[in-house]
Structure formats: structure tokens, C-alpha cells
Amino acid sequence: MIAILVAIPLIGCNRQPQGNVTPDTGNSNAAGAPSPAIDAAPIIERYRALDDSRDSSTRVRASIAASDEDAPRQIPLNILRKTQADGRQLILIEFTAPPEERDRDGLITVFPDGQIEGVRYVQSTDSFIATRDLMSEDALFGLTLQELADGQPEKYEFTISEEQTFEDTVCYRAEGKLKQGAESKFSRVVLLISKQTFAAVRAEFFDNHNERVRVLTVSKTEQVAGHWTRLRWTIDNLARHRKIVFEATDIRYDQNLTDSIFTRAHLKTIASR
């Protein structure tokens, strides 16, 4: 399994307020003013449409803390993304330090039908390992391919259950249930979506036992090249007792990245340095 630490949703034109919100407990009577019946479809569509960039490159610093470790590990990496004309999403992950992390470099392709392929190059065997298993988790960071593909909200049927206040920002509380026939490790998701910007300020993921296993929160955003961009966000992996704090240190949009960057040949080159 590919050890990559991208998370839902990663970096895009997300315009988001900052702050903390009361954790979801799965109780429909959570704090917040009840909303009248609201059609969730246009809200989710506007949320998904926030990222309209053709491509992007981002330098990220990840701080990984586990309950059985004395101090967080600091790992820098580069993330390159590109949207193809046929709807495919291409993501290249390059670990820049320490040198032994280079075997974890990975290439991800998200297909229009919802399938995802993750590929990494293994120097010791001079071979590529590919997987399309959406259920398994990465052994190091505990993330699934679905999480690396911005959570794939299209796999869920959403309803707006109520409104919640995120500090001074009123949000739609979008409850998502996995569509019949869709494959995911998460049978339910909860998004808090700003009524003003239609950006998700928090995402929570539940397993088949309705246990909350992931929480994503955003703590800092700024406008970069005309795009509201997430600069600091946290994934709390409750199942693995591991927390990852991501900080974007350099972000560039619409650079006309070439297709050759998102190939196995290029992956082999950067993983063999």
C-alpha cells in the first residue's frame, strides 16, 4: 500500500473561515438551529466546484504524532495535481526527505467512474506496485485511497439535517450516506459547509459500525493567486491514534504542468535519486 499523506479535501480554491467546532457524535440533536427542508444537491455541487484550477504544485510539511511516540516526525513533500480533459485527476506525491522516504513516492489516478489507482516504484526489485483497493489503509499514516482523492463526495447521498455555527460562521450540516453499490471504507460522512462560501470547514468519517474514525479540520486559509487556499489543516485518525498536521509552505496554480510528470517513468526517476 502506498504511504502517502494527502487528505480530503487537500488544496484547492477553498475559501474557508477559521476556528473550532463541536465534534459530531452521530446524534441528530447536536447543537444548532434546525433548518427548513433544503435541497442538498446544489449545495454539494457548489462545494465540489470550488476548485477550478487546471493544475497546482504545493510544498507541504507534515507533522505526524502518535500516542506511542515521544515527539512528532517532520516530513516534507511535494504534491502536484492536474485535471485532464477526460475528467481524470492526476496526483504525484514526492517525499523530499529523509532519503529513505523516496520509496514512498506515489502516483495516483482518479478515474471519472470513481475508481482510483495508486502506484509506487520499488528500487530493490526495480518494479512498480499498483493497487485499486479502496478499503485498505496505509500502514504508516492510516489513510485510504479515497481520502487521497478528496473524499469522493459523489459517492454519497446528502441531506441537510440542520445548521450549525462554526464560531461566527453559519454552516450547513450535510449528512452523507454511501450510495448503494458504491465502495468505501466509510459508510457515512458529515460535512460542515459554510453558508457564505460553500467551503467545507470540517469533515468527519464514520465506519460501518457508525464509529467516527477520521476528523479533518482547517485552521488557516489565505488567498493565493486568486484562489482561496488551505494552508494549515489537521487529520485526526481516531482509529490509529495518530494525528497529522499539514502546512503548505509554497503553492502555485495553473502552471501548465506537462503530462510527462504524471507517468511511471518520472515516478521511477524521482524515487531513484
Protein backbone atom coordinates (compact mmCIF):
# COMPACT_ATOMS: atom_id res chain seq x y z
CA MET A 1 0.00 0.00 0.00
CA ILE A 2 1.27 3.45 -0.85
CA ALA A 3 2.39 5.54 2.11
CA ILE A 4 1.06 8.93 1.08
CA LEU A 5 -0.38 11.56 3.37
CA VAL A 6 -2.68 13.62 1.21
CA ALA A 7 -6.11 14.07 2.76
CA ILE A 8 -9.69 15.10 1.97
CA PRO A 9 -10.00 17.59 0.59
CA LEU A 10 -6.40 18.64 0.05
CA ILE A 11 -5.67 22.01 -1.55
CA GLY A 12 -7.97 23.84 -3.88
CA CYS A 13 -9.88 27.03 -4.26
CA ASN A 14 -11.37 26.53 -0.82
CA ARG A 15 -12.50 29.72 0.81
CA GLN A 16 -12.86 28.84 4.45
CA PRO A 17 -13.24 30.59 7.81
CA GLN A 18 -11.14 29.52 10.73
CA GLY A 19 -11.99 28.14 14.16
CA ASN A 20 -13.19 25.12 16.07
CA VAL A 21 -16.49 23.29 16.06
CA THR A 22 -18.15 20.92 18.47
CA PRO A 23 -17.27 17.32 17.46
CA ASP A 24 -20.04 15.25 15.88
CA THR A 25 -21.33 12.37 17.98
CA GLY A 26 -23.71 10.87 15.46
CA ASN A 27 -26.64 12.45 17.34
CA SER A 28 -29.09 14.28 15.12
CA ASN A 29 -29.93 16.55 18.05
CA ALA A 30 -26.49 18.21 18.03
CA ALA A 31 -26.31 21.91 18.88
CA GLY A 32 -27.54 24.23 16.17
CA ALA A 33 -30.71 25.79 14.88
CA PRO A 34 -32.93 23.42 12.88
CA SER A 35 -33.11 24.24 9.19
CA PRO A 36 -36.16 24.09 6.99
CA ALA A 37 -36.15 21.48 4.24
CA ILE A 38 -33.20 22.33 1.98
CA ASP A 39 -32.20 20.66 -1.26
CA ALA A 40 -28.70 19.33 -0.61
CA ALA A 41 -27.79 18.75 -4.28
CA PRO A 42 -26.99 22.35 -5.28
CA ILE A 43 -25.09 22.93 -2.03
CA ILE A 44 -22.89 19.88 -2.56
CA GLU A 45 -22.38 20.82 -6.20
CA ARG A 46 -21.18 24.31 -5.27
CA TYR A 47 -18.89 22.77 -2.66
CA ARG A 48 -17.38 20.39 -5.24
CA ALA A 49 -17.00 23.19 -7.81
CA LEU A 50 -14.79 25.36 -5.61
CA ASP A 51 -11.55 24.02 -7.09
CA ASP A 52 -11.44 25.27 -10.67
CA SER A 53 -7.68 25.28 -11.18
CA ARG A 54 -6.18 23.30 -14.07
CA ASP A 55 -3.18 22.19 -12.03
CA SER A 56 -1.20 23.04 -8.92
CA SER A 57 2.08 22.34 -7.18
CA THR A 58 2.43 22.55 -3.43
CA ARG A 59 5.20 22.13 -0.92
CA VAL A 60 3.87 20.63 2.28
CA ARG A 61 5.32 19.97 5.69
CA ALA A 62 3.65 17.15 7.63
CA SER A 63 3.96 16.68 11.36
CA ILE A 64 2.92 13.18 12.41
CA ALA A 65 2.26 12.46 16.06
CA ALA A 66 1.28 9.13 17.58
CA SER A 67 0.39 8.27 21.15
CA ASP A 68 3.33 5.87 21.41
CA GLU A 69 5.94 8.33 20.10
CA ASP A 70 7.94 10.86 22.13
CA ALA A 71 7.85 13.63 19.52
CA PRO A 72 6.16 14.28 16.16
CA ARG A 73 8.02 13.34 13.00
CA GLN A 74 8.53 16.11 10.46
CA ILE A 75 8.29 15.04 6.80
CA PRO A 76 8.45 17.45 3.83
CA LEU A 77 6.91 16.55 0.49
CA ASN A 78 5.75 17.99 -2.82
CA ILE A 79 2.25 17.47 -4.22
CA LEU A 80 1.47 18.05 -7.90
CA ARG A 81 -2.06 17.81 -9.26
CA LYS A 82 -3.58 18.07 -12.73
CA THR A 83 -7.06 17.69 -14.22
CA GLN A 84 -7.20 16.01 -17.62
CA ALA A 85 -9.69 16.81 -20.36
CA ASP A 86 -11.29 13.37 -19.97
CA GLY A 87 -12.04 14.03 -16.29
CA ARG A 88 -9.16 12.10 -14.76
CA GLN A 89 -7.42 13.62 -11.77
CA LEU A 90 -3.65 13.04 -11.61
CA ILE A 91 -1.68 13.42 -8.36
CA LEU A 92 2.05 12.97 -7.87
CA ILE A 93 3.49 12.77 -4.36
CA GLU A 94 7.23 13.26 -3.86
CA PHE A 95 8.82 12.87 -0.44
CA THR A 96 11.85 15.14 -0.30
CA ALA A 97 13.39 13.98 2.99
CA PRO A 98 14.71 11.84 4.54
CA PRO A 99 16.18 9.83 1.63
CA GLU A 100 14.57 6.54 2.74
CA GLU A 101 11.13 8.09 2.26
CA ARG A 102 11.62 8.24 -1.52
CA ASP A 103 10.39 4.67 -1.89
CA ARG A 104 7.06 6.07 -0.74
CA ASP A 105 6.74 8.45 -3.70
CA GLY A 106 3.47 7.72 -5.41
CA LEU A 107 1.36 8.40 -8.48
CA ILE A 108 -2.42 8.46 -8.08
CA THR A 109 -5.02 8.45 -10.84
CA VAL A 110 -8.65 9.16 -10.01
CA PHE A 111 -10.92 7.98 -12.84
CA PRO A 112 -14.29 9.53 -13.75
CA ASP A 113 -16.10 6.30 -12.73
CA GLY A 114 -14.78 6.62 -9.15
CA GLN A 115 -12.01 4.05 -9.40
CA ILE A 116 -8.60 5.07 -8.05
CA GLU A 117 -5.19 3.62 -8.86
CA GLY A 118 -2.15 4.15 -6.67
CA VAL A 119 1.32 3.28 -7.96
CA ARG A 120 4.75 3.37 -6.36
CA TYR A 121 8.20 2.29 -7.54
CA VAL A 122 10.31 -0.17 -5.53
CA GLN A 123 14.04 0.26 -6.12
CA SER A 124 15.07 -3.07 -4.59
CA THR A 125 13.08 -5.03 -7.18
CA ASP A 126 13.08 -2.44 -9.98
CA SER A 127 9.33 -2.81 -10.24
CA PHE A 128 6.07 -0.94 -9.79
CA ILE A 129 3.39 -1.84 -7.28
CA ALA A 130 -0.15 -0.80 -8.16
CA THR A 131 -3.35 -1.06 -6.18
CA ARG A 132 -7.01 -0.13 -6.63
CA ASP A 133 -8.10 -1.35 -3.22
CA LEU A 134 -10.32 1.39 -1.77
CA MET A 135 -10.85 -0.41 1.53
CA SER A 136 -7.32 -0.93 2.80
CA GLU A 137 -5.43 1.67 4.81
CA ASP A 138 -1.85 2.75 4.54
CA ALA A 139 0.23 1.08 7.24
CA LEU A 140 2.12 4.26 8.17
CA PHE A 141 -0.41 7.06 8.03
CA GLY A 142 -3.60 5.05 8.05
CA LEU A 143 -5.21 6.74 5.05
CA THR A 144 -7.20 5.16 2.24
CA LEU A 145 -7.02 5.90 -1.47
CA GLN A 146 -10.43 7.53 -1.19
CA GLU A 147 -9.03 10.06 1.27
CA LEU A 148 -6.23 10.81 -1.15
CA ALA A 149 -8.88 11.60 -3.79
CA ASP A 150 -10.58 14.40 -1.83
CA GLY A 151 -13.00 12.02 -0.14
CA GLN A 152 -15.11 11.42 -3.27
CA PRO A 153 -18.33 13.13 -2.09
CA GLU A 154 -20.02 11.97 -5.29
CA LYS A 155 -20.29 8.51 -3.71
CA TYR A 156 -22.75 9.75 -1.09
CA GLU A 157 -26.38 10.81 -0.94
CA PHE A 158 -26.51 14.00 1.10
CA THR A 159 -29.23 15.61 3.15
CA ILE A 160 -29.08 18.88 5.05
CA SER A 161 -30.04 17.93 8.58
CA GLU A 162 -29.62 21.29 10.30
CA GLU A 163 -27.49 24.39 10.61
CA GLN A 164 -24.50 24.71 12.94
CA THR A 165 -22.47 27.74 13.88
CA PHE A 166 -18.75 27.50 13.29
CA GLU A 167 -17.63 30.36 15.51
CA ASP A 168 -19.21 33.32 13.68
CA THR A 169 -19.94 31.34 10.52
CA VAL A 170 -23.25 29.59 9.97
CA CYS A 171 -22.81 26.24 8.22
CA TYR A 172 -24.99 23.66 6.56
CA ARG A 173 -24.64 20.30 8.23
CA ALA A 174 -24.53 17.86 5.31
CA GLU A 175 -25.12 14.22 6.26
CA GLY A 176 -23.92 11.80 3.61
CA LYS A 177 -24.83 8.12 3.32
CA LEU A 178 -22.94 5.83 0.96
CA LYS A 179 -24.87 5.16 -2.24
CA GLN A 180 -25.94 1.63 -2.95
CA GLY A 181 -23.22 -0.18 -4.90
CA ALA A 182 -20.54 2.39 -4.08
CA GLU A 183 -17.34 1.14 -2.47
CA SER A 184 -15.86 2.88 0.55
CA LYS A 185 -14.47 2.21 3.99
CA PHE A 186 -16.73 4.99 5.25
CA SER A 187 -20.46 4.35 5.26
CA ARG A 188 -21.30 7.86 6.45
CA VAL A 189 -19.72 11.30 6.24
CA VAL A 190 -20.63 14.62 7.82
CA LEU A 191 -19.59 17.92 6.25
CA LEU A 192 -19.96 21.38 7.74
CA ILE A 193 -20.26 23.70 4.75
CA SER A 194 -20.16 27.46 5.13
CA LYS A 195 -23.41 29.09 4.01
CA GLN A 196 -21.42 32.09 2.80
CA THR A 197 -18.60 30.44 0.85
CA PHE A 198 -19.82 26.85 0.33
CA ALA A 199 -16.46 25.54 1.55
CA ALA A 200 -16.32 22.63 3.99
CA VAL A 201 -14.76 23.74 7.26
CA ARG A 202 -14.86 20.30 8.84
CA ALA A 203 -15.27 16.70 7.63
CA GLU A 204 -15.98 13.60 9.70
CA PHE A 205 -15.94 9.98 8.55
CA PHE A 206 -17.75 7.01 10.11
CA ASP A 207 -17.24 3.28 9.62
CA ASN A 208 -19.84 0.54 9.18
CA HIS A 209 -20.42 0.48 12.94
CA ASN A 210 -21.15 4.21 12.92
CA GLU A 211 -17.94 4.85 14.83
CA ARG A 212 -16.20 8.09 13.98
CA VAL A 213 -12.74 7.19 12.66
CA ARG A 214 -11.49 10.40 10.98
CA VAL A 215 -11.84 14.11 11.65
CA LEU A 216 -10.45 16.80 9.36
CA THR A 217 -10.33 20.43 10.49
CA VAL A 218 -8.90 23.55 8.87
CA SER A 219 -7.06 26.20 10.88
CA LYS A 220 -5.65 28.61 8.29
CA THR A 221 -6.57 29.79 4.80
CA GLU A 222 -5.36 32.60 2.56
CA GLN A 223 -5.89 33.75 -0.98
CA VAL A 224 -3.15 32.59 -3.36
CA ALA A 225 -3.16 33.72 -6.99
CA GLY A 226 -6.86 34.48 -6.74
CA HIS A 227 -7.68 31.13 -5.13
CA TRP A 228 -8.72 30.72 -1.52
CA THR A 229 -6.32 28.05 -0.37
CA ARG A 230 -5.99 25.87 2.69
CA LEU A 231 -2.62 26.48 4.34
CA ARG A 232 -2.92 24.52 7.55
CA TRP A 233 -5.17 21.57 8.31
CA THR A 234 -5.25 18.55 10.60
CA ILE A 235 -6.36 14.95 10.23
CA ASP A 236 -7.15 13.18 13.46
CA ASN A 237 -7.03 9.45 12.74
CA LEU A 238 -9.00 8.23 15.72
CA ALA A 239 -8.76 4.57 14.74
CA ARG A 240 -4.94 4.67 14.61
CA HIS A 241 -4.46 7.16 17.49
CA ARG A 242 -2.44 9.28 15.13
CA LYS A 243 -2.70 12.96 14.24
CA ILE A 244 -1.21 14.61 11.16
CA VAL A 245 -0.83 18.37 10.85
CA PHE A 246 -0.24 19.63 7.31
CA GLU A 247 1.20 23.03 6.50
CA ALA A 248 1.53 24.29 2.93
CA THR A 249 4.68 26.37 2.55
CA ASP A 250 4.61 27.20 -1.18
CA ILE A 251 1.67 26.95 -3.59
CA ARG A 252 1.44 27.67 -7.31
CA TYR A 253 -1.55 27.32 -9.62
CA ASP A 254 -2.14 26.87 -13.36
CA GLN A 255 1.45 26.28 -14.43
CA ASN A 256 0.59 24.10 -17.43
CA LEU A 257 2.27 21.07 -15.88
CA THR A 258 3.23 18.55 -18.55
CA ASP A 259 1.68 15.10 -18.71
CA SER A 260 5.14 13.54 -18.54
CA ILE A 261 5.35 14.49 -14.86
CA PHE A 262 2.46 12.12 -14.10
CA THR A 263 3.98 8.96 -15.55
CA ARG A 264 5.60 5.84 -14.16
CA ALA A 265 8.85 6.80 -15.87
CA HIS A 266 9.01 10.07 -13.99
CA LEU A 267 7.99 8.35 -10.76
CA LYS A 268 10.90 5.95 -11.17
CA THR A 269 13.28 8.85 -11.77
CA ILE A 270 12.38 10.79 -8.64
CA ALA A 271 12.20 7.67 -6.46
CA SER A 272 15.69 6.59 -7.59
CA ARG A 273 17.55 9.80 -6.81
